[in-house]
C-alpha atoms as a PDB file:
ATOM      1  CA  MET A   1    -225.392 134.263 123.797  1.00  0.00           C
ATOM      2  CA  LYS A   2    -226.744 137.738 123.458  1.00  0.00           C
ATOM      3  CA  ALA A   3    -230.680 136.450 123.932  1.00  0.00           C
ATOM      4  CA  GLU A   4    -229.162 135.130 127.545  1.00  0.00           C
ATOM      5  CA  VAL A   5    -227.728 138.608 128.558  1.00  0.00           C
ATOM      6  CA  GLU A   6    -231.614 140.167 127.759  1.00  0.00           C
ATOM      7  CA  TYR A   7    -233.339 137.520 130.022  1.00  0.00           C
ATOM      8  CA  LEU A   8    -231.005 138.047 132.900  1.00  0.00           C
ATOM      9  CA  HIS A   9    -231.826 141.729 132.484  1.00  0.00           C
ATOM     10  CA  GLY A  10    -235.244 141.297 132.500  1.00  0.00           C
ATOM     11  CA  ASN A  11    -235.935 142.164 129.028  1.00  0.00           C
ATOM     12  CA  PHE A  12    -237.964 138.982 127.932  1.00  0.00           C
ATOM     13  CA  ASP A  13    -239.148 140.588 125.002  1.00  0.00           C
ATOM     14  CA  ASN A  14    -236.167 141.360 123.127  1.00  0.00           C
ATOM     15  CA  SER A  15    -234.578 137.646 124.467  1.00  0.00           C
ATOM     16  CA  ASN A  16    -237.469 136.374 122.706  1.00  0.00           C
ATOM     17  CA  ASN A  17    -237.085 138.060 119.337  1.00  0.00           C
ATOM     18  CA  LEU A  18    -233.385 136.653 119.449  1.00  0.00           C
ATOM     19  CA  LEU A  19    -234.290 133.416 120.197  1.00  0.00           C
ATOM     20  CA  ALA A  20    -236.738 133.620 117.558  1.00  0.00           C
ATOM     21  CA  THR A  21    -234.120 134.588 114.826  1.00  0.00           C
ATOM     22  CA  VAL A  22    -231.678 132.214 116.632  1.00  0.00           C
ATOM     23  CA  LEU A  23    -233.817 129.017 115.849  1.00  0.00           C
ATOM     24  CA  ASN A  24    -235.204 130.669 112.273  1.00  0.00           C
ATOM     25  CA  GLN A  25    -231.446 130.540 111.241  1.00  0.00           C
ATOM     26  CA  THR A  26    -229.717 127.689 112.987  1.00  0.00           C
ATOM     27  CA  THR A  27    -229.402 124.221 111.430  1.00  0.00           C
ATOM     28  CA  ASN A  28    -227.228 122.986 114.030  1.00  0.00           C
ATOM     29  CA  LEU A  29    -229.240 120.995 116.989  1.00  0.00           C
ATOM     30  CA  LEU A  30    -227.213 121.680 119.523  1.00  0.00           C
ATOM     31  CA  ASP A  31    -228.285 125.358 118.876  1.00  0.00           C
ATOM     32  CA  SER A  32    -231.445 124.971 118.489  1.00  0.00           C
ATOM     33  CA  ILE A  33    -232.020 122.561 121.622  1.00  0.00           C
ATOM     34  CA  LYS A  34    -229.854 125.357 123.609  1.00  0.00           C
ATOM     35  CA  ALA A  35    -232.032 128.263 122.583  1.00  0.00           C
ATOM     36  CA  TYR A  36    -234.989 126.083 123.620  1.00  0.00           C
ATOM     37  CA  GLN A  37    -233.621 125.958 126.601  1.00  0.00           C
ATOM     38  CA  LEU A  38    -233.858 129.721 127.708  1.00  0.00           C
ATOM     39  CA  GLN A  39    -236.703 130.150 125.852  1.00  0.00           C
ATOM     40  CA  ILE A  40    -238.287 127.733 128.910  1.00  0.00           C
ATOM     41  CA  GLU A  41    -236.636 129.561 131.113  1.00  0.00           C
ATOM     42  CA  VAL A  42    -237.959 133.242 129.857  1.00  0.00           C
ATOM     43  CA  SER A  43    -241.695 131.015 130.041  1.00  0.00           C
ATOM     44  CA  ILE A  44    -240.660 130.163 133.439  1.00  0.00           C
ATOM     45  CA  ALA A  45    -240.291 133.120 134.655  1.00  0.00           C
ATOM     46  CA  GLN A  46    -242.891 135.588 132.966  1.00  0.00           C
ATOM     47  CA  ILE A  47    -244.625 132.186 135.380  1.00  0.00           C
ATOM     48  CA  GLN A  48    -246.264 130.994 131.813  1.00  0.00           C
ATOM     49  CA  MET A  49    -245.751 127.443 132.397  1.00  0.00           C
ATOM     50  CA  GLN A  50    -248.317 125.939 129.625  1.00  0.00           C
ATOM     51  CA  LYS A  51    -245.594 127.973 127.258  1.00  0.00           C
ATOM     52  CA  ALA A  52    -242.610 126.395 129.217  1.00  0.00           C
ATOM     53  CA  LEU A  53    -243.987 122.975 128.349  1.00  0.00           C
ATOM     54  CA  ASP A  54    -245.496 123.478 124.834  1.00  0.00           C
ATOM     55  CA  ILE A  55    -241.697 124.839 124.060  1.00  0.00           C
ATOM     56  CA  GLY A  56    -240.453 122.112 126.030  1.00  0.00           C
ATOM     57  CA  PHE A  57    -242.951 119.045 124.435  1.00  0.00           C
ATOM     58  CA  LYS A  58    -242.151 121.121 120.645  1.00  0.00           C
ATOM     59  CA  ALA A  59    -237.689 120.274 122.128  1.00  0.00           C
ATOM     60  CA  ILE A  60    -238.759 116.973 122.635  1.00  0.00           C
ATOM     61  CA  GLU A  61    -239.745 116.352 118.935  1.00  0.00           C
ATOM     62  CA  LYS A  62    -236.861 117.980 117.642  1.00  0.00           C
ATOM     63  CA  LEU A  63    -234.669 115.208 119.600  1.00  0.00           C
ATOM     64  CA  GLY A  64    -236.416 112.577 117.424  1.00  0.00           C
ATOM     65  CA  ILE A  65    -238.516 111.709 120.453  1.00  0.00           C
ATOM     66  CA  LYS A  66    -242.360 111.377 119.901  1.00  0.00           C
ATOM     67  CA  LEU A  67    -244.577 111.496 122.505  1.00  0.00           C
ATOM     68  CA  GLU A  68    -248.478 111.053 122.944  1.00  0.00           C
ATOM     69  CA  GLU A  69    -250.464 113.213 124.365  1.00  0.00           C
ATOM     70  CA  ILE A  70    -252.953 111.043 126.678  1.00  0.00           C
ATOM     71  CA  GLN A  71    -255.791 112.073 128.935  1.00  0.00           C
ATOM     72  CA  PRO A  72    -257.142 110.755 132.294  1.00  0.00           C
ATOM     73  CA  VAL A  73    -259.207 108.043 132.330  1.00  0.00           C
ATOM     74  CA  ILE A  74    -261.415 109.416 135.960  1.00  0.00           C
ATOM     75  CA  GLU A  75    -264.233 106.651 136.542  1.00  0.00           C
ATOM     76  CA  ASP A  76    -264.925 107.106 140.059  1.00  0.00           C
ATOM     77  CA  VAL A  77    -264.652 111.355 141.137  1.00  0.00           C
ATOM     78  CA  GLU A  78    -265.788 109.952 145.059  1.00  0.00           C
ATOM     79  CA  SER A  79    -262.350 108.264 145.377  1.00  0.00           C
ATOM     80  CA  LEU A  80    -260.117 111.920 144.689  1.00  0.00           C
ATOM     81  CA  ILE A  81    -261.995 113.542 147.078  1.00  0.00           C
ATOM     82  CA  ASN A  82    -260.257 111.374 149.674  1.00  0.00           C
ATOM     83  CA  LEU A  83    -256.867 110.887 148.555  1.00  0.00           C
ATOM     84  CA  PRO A  84    -253.960 111.340 151.746  1.00  0.00           C
ATOM     85  CA  GLU A  85    -251.982 114.564 151.409  1.00  0.00           C
END
């Protein structure tokens, strides 16, 4: 995949543009998942972890898996201070 070659050469913008084209034009689920996987790798290489997570969640939804975002409830903040390392 040309997008992967661009990524490996450090041409992240070119890689992302090619991957966006793939995702817009493909109807094959496996091709989409491969493109999402590479988008995640590109994001991680650019230290864009939240973007990588968002792409991963999008890919998981494409697979028909629904994840719910649940915020943790912390009732006793003081207990967090003494957590073991």
